[in-house]
Amino acid sequence: MPTVKENLCCQEVNKIIEEIQEEMKLTDVKEIKCITQHPGFASVCLDRHVLKTAYYSYRQDYGVNMPDNME
């Protein structure tokens, strides 16, 4: 990744560590080393319909204009 901002391990973000620990307490999952192993990751972060809905919600809330090719 070209910039420091883009190169960030999930284990460097306290909120993500807290979410992972909470998930392990609430479920039978014994170990999650990366946010991509979280049971909800694929359905929330990789599903194009969910991402599209989040994009439009963000645009509505913040009024951010994105390039047309992003829609």
N, C-alpha and C. Protein backbone atom coordinates (compact mmCIF):
# COMPACT_ATOMS: atom_id res chain seq x y z
N MET A 1 0.84 -1.17 0.00
CA MET A 1 0.00 0.00 0.00
C MET A 1 0.89 1.24 0.00
N PRO A 2 0.49 2.24 -0.74
CA PRO A 2 1.39 3.36 -0.96
C PRO A 2 1.57 4.32 0.21
N THR A 3 0.65 4.39 1.15
CA THR A 3 0.81 5.36 2.24
C THR A 3 0.69 4.69 3.59
N VAL A 4 1.23 5.35 4.59
CA VAL A 4 1.16 4.83 5.95
C VAL A 4 -0.30 4.72 6.38
N LYS A 5 -1.12 5.70 6.03
CA LYS A 5 -2.52 5.68 6.42
C LYS A 5 -3.23 4.43 5.92
N GLU A 6 -2.88 3.97 4.73
CA GLU A 6 -3.52 2.79 4.15
C GLU A 6 -2.94 1.50 4.69
N ASN A 7 -1.79 1.57 5.30
CA ASN A 7 -1.11 0.38 5.78
C ASN A 7 -1.28 0.30 7.30
N LEU A 8 -2.39 -0.26 7.72
CA LEU A 8 -2.71 -0.32 9.14
C LEU A 8 -3.25 -1.71 9.47
N CYS A 9 -2.62 -2.36 10.41
CA CYS A 9 -3.09 -3.66 10.87
C CYS A 9 -4.26 -3.46 11.81
N CYS A 10 -5.26 -4.32 11.71
CA CYS A 10 -6.43 -4.20 12.59
C CYS A 10 -6.04 -4.33 14.06
N GLN A 11 -4.94 -4.99 14.35
CA GLN A 11 -4.50 -5.15 15.73
C GLN A 11 -3.88 -3.87 16.30
N GLU A 12 -3.77 -2.83 15.46
CA GLU A 12 -3.27 -1.54 15.90
C GLU A 12 -4.41 -0.58 16.25
N VAL A 13 -5.65 -1.04 16.11
CA VAL A 13 -6.82 -0.18 16.36
C VAL A 13 -7.56 -0.72 17.58
N ASN A 14 -7.55 0.05 18.65
CA ASN A 14 -8.14 -0.41 19.91
C ASN A 14 -9.60 -0.82 19.78
N LYS A 15 -10.39 -0.07 19.03
CA LYS A 15 -11.81 -0.39 18.88
C LYS A 15 -11.99 -1.76 18.21
N ILE A 16 -11.16 -2.07 17.25
CA ILE A 16 -11.26 -3.37 16.58
C ILE A 16 -10.86 -4.49 17.53
N ILE A 17 -9.82 -4.27 18.30
CA ILE A 17 -9.40 -5.27 19.29
C ILE A 17 -10.54 -5.53 20.27
N GLU A 18 -11.20 -4.47 20.72
CA GLU A 18 -12.34 -4.62 21.64
C GLU A 18 -13.47 -5.42 21.00
N GLU A 19 -13.77 -5.14 19.74
CA GLU A 19 -14.83 -5.87 19.03
C GLU A 19 -14.49 -7.35 18.90
N ILE A 20 -13.25 -7.64 18.58
CA ILE A 20 -12.81 -9.03 18.44
C ILE A 20 -12.93 -9.75 19.78
N GLN A 21 -12.47 -9.11 20.85
CA GLN A 21 -12.55 -9.72 22.18
C GLN A 21 -14.01 -9.95 22.59
N GLU A 22 -14.87 -9.00 22.29
CA GLU A 22 -16.30 -9.14 22.61
C GLU A 22 -16.91 -10.31 21.85
N GLU A 23 -16.57 -10.44 20.58
CA GLU A 23 -17.09 -11.54 19.76
C GLU A 23 -16.65 -12.89 20.33
N MET A 24 -15.40 -12.97 20.77
CA MET A 24 -14.91 -14.23 21.33
C MET A 24 -15.62 -14.57 22.64
N LYS A 25 -16.00 -13.56 23.42
CA LYS A 25 -16.74 -13.80 24.67
C LYS A 25 -18.15 -14.30 24.39
N LEU A 26 -18.78 -13.77 23.36
CA LEU A 26 -20.18 -14.06 23.08
C LEU A 26 -20.41 -15.33 22.26
N THR A 27 -19.37 -15.84 21.62
CA THR A 27 -19.53 -16.99 20.73
C THR A 27 -18.56 -18.10 21.11
N ASP A 28 -18.62 -19.16 20.34
CA ASP A 28 -17.71 -20.28 20.55
C ASP A 28 -16.36 -20.08 19.87
N VAL A 29 -16.17 -18.95 19.22
CA VAL A 29 -14.91 -18.68 18.53
C VAL A 29 -13.82 -18.51 19.58
N LYS A 30 -12.77 -19.31 19.47
CA LYS A 30 -11.70 -19.30 20.47
C LYS A 30 -10.63 -18.26 20.17
N GLU A 31 -10.37 -18.04 18.89
CA GLU A 31 -9.29 -17.13 18.53
C GLU A 31 -9.60 -16.43 17.21
N ILE A 32 -9.50 -15.13 17.23
CA ILE A 32 -9.61 -14.33 16.02
C ILE A 32 -8.36 -13.46 15.99
N LYS A 33 -7.50 -13.70 15.02
CA LYS A 33 -6.25 -12.95 14.92
C LYS A 33 -6.37 -11.74 14.01
N CYS A 34 -7.40 -11.73 13.17
CA CYS A 34 -7.56 -10.65 12.20
C CYS A 34 -9.04 -10.36 12.04
N ILE A 35 -9.38 -9.11 11.81
CA ILE A 35 -10.78 -8.72 11.65
C ILE A 35 -11.43 -9.50 10.50
N THR A 36 -10.65 -9.93 9.54
CA THR A 36 -11.22 -10.70 8.42
C THR A 36 -11.71 -12.07 8.86
N GLN A 37 -11.32 -12.52 10.05
CA GLN A 37 -11.80 -13.79 10.59
C GLN A 37 -13.07 -13.63 11.42
N HIS A 38 -13.47 -12.39 11.67
CA HIS A 38 -14.69 -12.12 12.44
C HIS A 38 -15.88 -12.67 11.65
N PRO A 39 -16.80 -13.35 12.30
CA PRO A 39 -17.94 -13.96 11.60
C PRO A 39 -18.78 -12.98 10.78
N GLY A 40 -18.81 -11.73 11.16
CA GLY A 40 -19.62 -10.76 10.42
C GLY A 40 -18.88 -10.03 9.32
N PHE A 41 -17.59 -10.24 9.20
CA PHE A 41 -16.78 -9.47 8.25
C PHE A 41 -17.26 -9.62 6.81
N ALA A 42 -17.38 -10.84 6.34
CA ALA A 42 -17.74 -11.05 4.93
C ALA A 42 -19.11 -10.47 4.60
N SER A 43 -20.08 -10.70 5.45
CA SER A 43 -21.44 -10.24 5.13
C SER A 43 -21.57 -8.73 5.22
N VAL A 44 -20.76 -8.08 6.03
CA VAL A 44 -20.86 -6.62 6.18
C VAL A 44 -19.88 -5.88 5.28
N CYS A 45 -18.67 -6.39 5.15
CA CYS A 45 -17.62 -5.65 4.44
C CYS A 45 -17.38 -6.10 3.01
N LEU A 46 -17.85 -7.25 2.63
CA LEU A 46 -17.57 -7.74 1.29
C LEU A 46 -18.81 -7.87 0.41
N ASP A 47 -19.98 -7.76 0.99
CA ASP A 47 -21.21 -7.88 0.22
C ASP A 47 -21.48 -6.57 -0.51
N ARG A 48 -21.56 -6.61 -1.83
CA ARG A 48 -21.69 -5.37 -2.62
C ARG A 48 -22.98 -4.63 -2.33
N HIS A 49 -24.04 -5.33 -1.99
CA HIS A 49 -25.31 -4.67 -1.68
C HIS A 49 -25.22 -3.91 -0.35
N VAL A 50 -24.57 -4.50 0.61
CA VAL A 50 -24.37 -3.82 1.90
C VAL A 50 -23.48 -2.60 1.71
N LEU A 51 -22.41 -2.76 0.93
CA LEU A 51 -21.50 -1.64 0.69
C LEU A 51 -22.20 -0.49 -0.04
N LYS A 52 -23.03 -0.84 -1.00
CA LYS A 52 -23.77 0.18 -1.75
C LYS A 52 -24.72 0.94 -0.82
N THR A 53 -25.41 0.23 0.05
CA THR A 53 -26.32 0.86 1.01
C THR A 53 -25.53 1.77 1.96
N ALA A 54 -24.40 1.31 2.43
CA ALA A 54 -23.57 2.12 3.33
C ALA A 54 -23.07 3.37 2.62
N TYR A 55 -22.70 3.22 1.35
CA TYR A 55 -22.23 4.35 0.56
C TYR A 55 -23.31 5.42 0.44
N TYR A 56 -24.52 5.01 0.08
CA TYR A 56 -25.60 5.99 -0.07
C TYR A 56 -25.98 6.61 1.27
N SER A 57 -25.94 5.85 2.33
CA SER A 57 -26.22 6.37 3.66
C SER A 57 -25.17 7.42 4.05
N TYR A 58 -23.92 7.11 3.78
CA TYR A 58 -22.83 8.04 4.07
C TYR A 58 -23.00 9.33 3.28
N ARG A 59 -23.31 9.18 2.01
CA ARG A 59 -23.52 10.36 1.16
C ARG A 59 -24.66 11.21 1.68
N GLN A 60 -25.74 10.58 2.10
CA GLN A 60 -26.89 11.31 2.60
C GLN A 60 -26.55 12.03 3.91
N ASP A 61 -25.80 11.37 4.78
CA ASP A 61 -25.45 11.96 6.07
C ASP A 61 -24.42 13.08 5.95
N TYR A 62 -23.44 12.90 5.06
CA TYR A 62 -22.32 13.84 5.01
C TYR A 62 -22.29 14.70 3.75
N GLY A 63 -23.15 14.41 2.78
CA GLY A 63 -23.20 15.21 1.57
C GLY A 63 -21.93 15.16 0.74
N VAL A 64 -21.20 14.09 0.85
CA VAL A 64 -19.95 13.96 0.12
C VAL A 64 -20.25 13.53 -1.30
N ASN A 65 -19.75 14.30 -2.25
CA ASN A 65 -19.91 13.93 -3.65
C ASN A 65 -18.76 13.04 -4.07
N MET A 66 -19.11 11.87 -4.53
CA MET A 66 -18.12 10.92 -5.01
C MET A 66 -18.13 10.95 -6.53
N PRO A 67 -17.03 10.57 -7.16
CA PRO A 67 -17.03 10.50 -8.63
C PRO A 67 -18.14 9.59 -9.13
N ASP A 68 -18.70 9.91 -10.29
CA ASP A 68 -19.81 9.13 -10.85
C ASP A 68 -19.46 7.67 -11.04
N ASN A 69 -18.21 7.36 -11.34
CA ASN A 69 -17.84 5.97 -11.58
C ASN A 69 -17.82 5.15 -10.29
N MET A 70 -18.01 5.79 -9.14
CA MET A 70 -18.07 5.07 -7.87
C MET A 70 -19.48 4.60 -7.55
N GLU A 71 -20.47 5.16 -8.21
CA GLU A 71 -21.86 4.82 -7.90
C GLU A 71 -22.28 3.51 -8.49
